[in-house]
């Protein structure tokens, strides 16, 4: 193995590692941006208005926005 081959292989691995780390950091930061506005209307229906990016990385934060035990029988989730 020549020096040029070893350097190009290490460079390719470094670039691949950098892309993976960058994608993970991006997903982590965007997962924290999900928000929900909650209100109950005059009929007793609870409304959740969801704001922010919804994707695989925001599942935990999305689930924490709801109060399943305390919610009424009818709930509307608005994904504007």
C-alpha atoms as a PDB file:
ATOM      1  CA  UNK A   1       0.000   0.000   0.000  1.00  0.00           C
ATOM      2  CA  UNK A   2       1.423   3.309  -1.001  1.00  0.00           C
ATOM      3  CA  UNK A   3       1.260   6.448   1.081  1.00  0.00           C
ATOM      4  CA  UNK A   4      -1.185   8.075  -1.355  1.00  0.00           C
ATOM      5  CA  UNK A   5      -3.593   5.134  -1.109  1.00  0.00           C
ATOM      6  CA  UNK A   6      -3.473   5.137   2.697  1.00  0.00           C
ATOM      7  CA  UNK A   7      -4.087   8.890   2.884  1.00  0.00           C
ATOM      8  CA  UNK A   8      -6.995   8.773   0.410  1.00  0.00           C
ATOM      9  CA  UNK A   9      -8.642   5.903   2.334  1.00  0.00           C
ATOM     10  CA  UNK A  10      -8.267   7.762   5.633  1.00  0.00           C
ATOM     11  CA  UNK A  11      -9.592  10.943   4.053  1.00  0.00           C
ATOM     12  CA  UNK A  12     -12.635   9.107   2.703  1.00  0.00           C
ATOM     13  CA  UNK A  13     -13.333   7.632   6.147  1.00  0.00           C
ATOM     14  CA  UNK A  14     -12.930  11.039   7.777  1.00  0.00           C
ATOM     15  CA  UNK A  15     -15.381  12.620   5.321  1.00  0.00           C
ATOM     16  CA  UNK A  16     -17.888   9.801   5.850  1.00  0.00           C
ATOM     17  CA  UNK A  17     -17.568  10.130   9.633  1.00  0.00           C
ATOM     18  CA  UNK A  18     -18.046  13.904   9.396  1.00  0.00           C
ATOM     19  CA  UNK A  19     -21.197  13.536   7.301  1.00  0.00           C
ATOM     20  CA  UNK A  20     -22.693  11.015   9.762  1.00  0.00           C
ATOM     21  CA  UNK A  21     -21.897  13.172  12.806  1.00  0.00           C
ATOM     22  CA  UNK A  22     -23.267  16.273  11.087  1.00  0.00           C
ATOM     23  CA  UNK A  23     -26.521  14.486  10.203  1.00  0.00           C
ATOM     24  CA  UNK A  24     -26.945  13.253  13.784  1.00  0.00           C
ATOM     25  CA  UNK A  25     -26.358  16.721  15.252  1.00  0.00           C
ATOM     26  CA  UNK A  26     -28.816  18.239  12.774  1.00  0.00           C
ATOM     27  CA  UNK A  27     -31.488  15.661  13.678  1.00  0.00           C
ATOM     28  CA  UNK A  28     -30.902  16.163  17.421  1.00  0.00           C
ATOM     29  CA  UNK A  29     -31.225  19.952  17.193  1.00  0.00           C
ATOM     30  CA  UNK A  30     -34.372  19.808  15.050  1.00  0.00           C
ATOM     31  CA  UNK A  31     -35.994  17.241  17.332  1.00  0.00           C
ATOM     32  CA  UNK A  32     -35.970  19.811  20.140  1.00  0.00           C
ATOM     33  CA  UNK A  33     -37.944  22.366  18.087  1.00  0.00           C
ATOM     34  CA  UNK A  34     -41.390  20.703  18.214  1.00  0.00           C
ATOM     35  CA  UNK A  35     -44.053  22.719  20.083  1.00  0.00           C
ATOM     36  CA  UNK A  36     -47.717  22.251  20.919  1.00  0.00           C
ATOM     37  CA  UNK A  37     -50.386  24.810  21.782  1.00  0.00           C
ATOM     38  CA  UNK A  38     -53.212  23.309  23.844  1.00  0.00           C
ATOM     39  CA  UNK A  39     -56.700  24.586  24.595  1.00  0.00           C
ATOM     40  CA  UNK A  40     -60.174  23.244  25.339  1.00  0.00           C
ATOM     41  CA  UNK A  41     -63.110  24.704  23.419  1.00  0.00           C
ATOM     42  CA  UNK A  42     -66.596  25.470  24.735  1.00  0.00           C
ATOM     43  CA  UNK A  43     -67.831  21.956  23.808  1.00  0.00           C
ATOM     44  CA  UNK A  44     -65.172  20.347  26.020  1.00  0.00           C
ATOM     45  CA  UNK A  45     -63.028  19.155  23.097  1.00  0.00           C
ATOM     46  CA  UNK A  46     -59.290  19.466  23.673  1.00  0.00           C
ATOM     47  CA  UNK A  47     -57.232  20.836  20.773  1.00  0.00           C
ATOM     48  CA  UNK A  48     -53.520  20.356  20.205  1.00  0.00           C
ATOM     49  CA  UNK A  49     -51.868  22.530  17.551  1.00  0.00           C
ATOM     50  CA  UNK A  50     -48.472  21.057  16.638  1.00  0.00           C
ATOM     51  CA  UNK A  51     -45.655  23.290  15.347  1.00  0.00           C
ATOM     52  CA  UNK A  52     -42.162  22.332  14.237  1.00  0.00           C
ATOM     53  CA  UNK A  53     -40.521  19.501  12.340  1.00  0.00           C
ATOM     54  CA  UNK A  54     -42.076  16.089  12.899  1.00  0.00           C
ATOM     55  CA  UNK A  55     -39.805  13.189  11.972  1.00  0.00           C
ATOM     56  CA  UNK A  56     -38.252  10.074  13.530  1.00  0.00           C
ATOM     57  CA  UNK A  57     -36.001  12.142  15.803  1.00  0.00           C
ATOM     58  CA  UNK A  58     -38.871  14.074  17.385  1.00  0.00           C
ATOM     59  CA  UNK A  59     -41.014  11.093  18.430  1.00  0.00           C
ATOM     60  CA  UNK A  60     -40.190  11.341  22.130  1.00  0.00           C
ATOM     61  CA  UNK A  61     -40.792  15.089  22.292  1.00  0.00           C
ATOM     62  CA  UNK A  62     -44.028  14.661  20.339  1.00  0.00           C
ATOM     63  CA  UNK A  63     -45.336  12.068  22.791  1.00  0.00           C
ATOM     64  CA  UNK A  64     -44.526  14.283  25.764  1.00  0.00           C
ATOM     65  CA  UNK A  65     -46.862  17.024  24.464  1.00  0.00           C
ATOM     66  CA  UNK A  66     -50.005  15.010  25.263  1.00  0.00           C
ATOM     67  CA  UNK A  67     -51.801  14.288  28.535  1.00  0.00           C
ATOM     68  CA  UNK A  68     -53.523  11.009  27.658  1.00  0.00           C
ATOM     69  CA  UNK A  69     -54.744  10.304  31.204  1.00  0.00           C
ATOM     70  CA  UNK A  70     -56.157  13.818  31.665  1.00  0.00           C
ATOM     71  CA  UNK A  71     -57.586  14.398  28.186  1.00  0.00           C
ATOM     72  CA  UNK A  72     -61.343  14.297  27.488  1.00  0.00           C
ATOM     73  CA  UNK A  73     -62.895  11.623  25.276  1.00  0.00           C
ATOM     74  CA  UNK A  74     -62.623  13.828  22.166  1.00  0.00           C
ATOM     75  CA  UNK A  75     -59.280  15.296  21.130  1.00  0.00           C
ATOM     76  CA  UNK A  76     -58.304  17.101  17.910  1.00  0.00           C
ATOM     77  CA  UNK A  77     -54.664  17.189  16.797  1.00  0.00           C
ATOM     78  CA  UNK A  78     -53.939  19.906  14.233  1.00  0.00           C
ATOM     79  CA  UNK A  79     -50.740  19.496  12.179  1.00  0.00           C
ATOM     80  CA  UNK A  80     -50.827  22.813  10.312  1.00  0.00           C
END
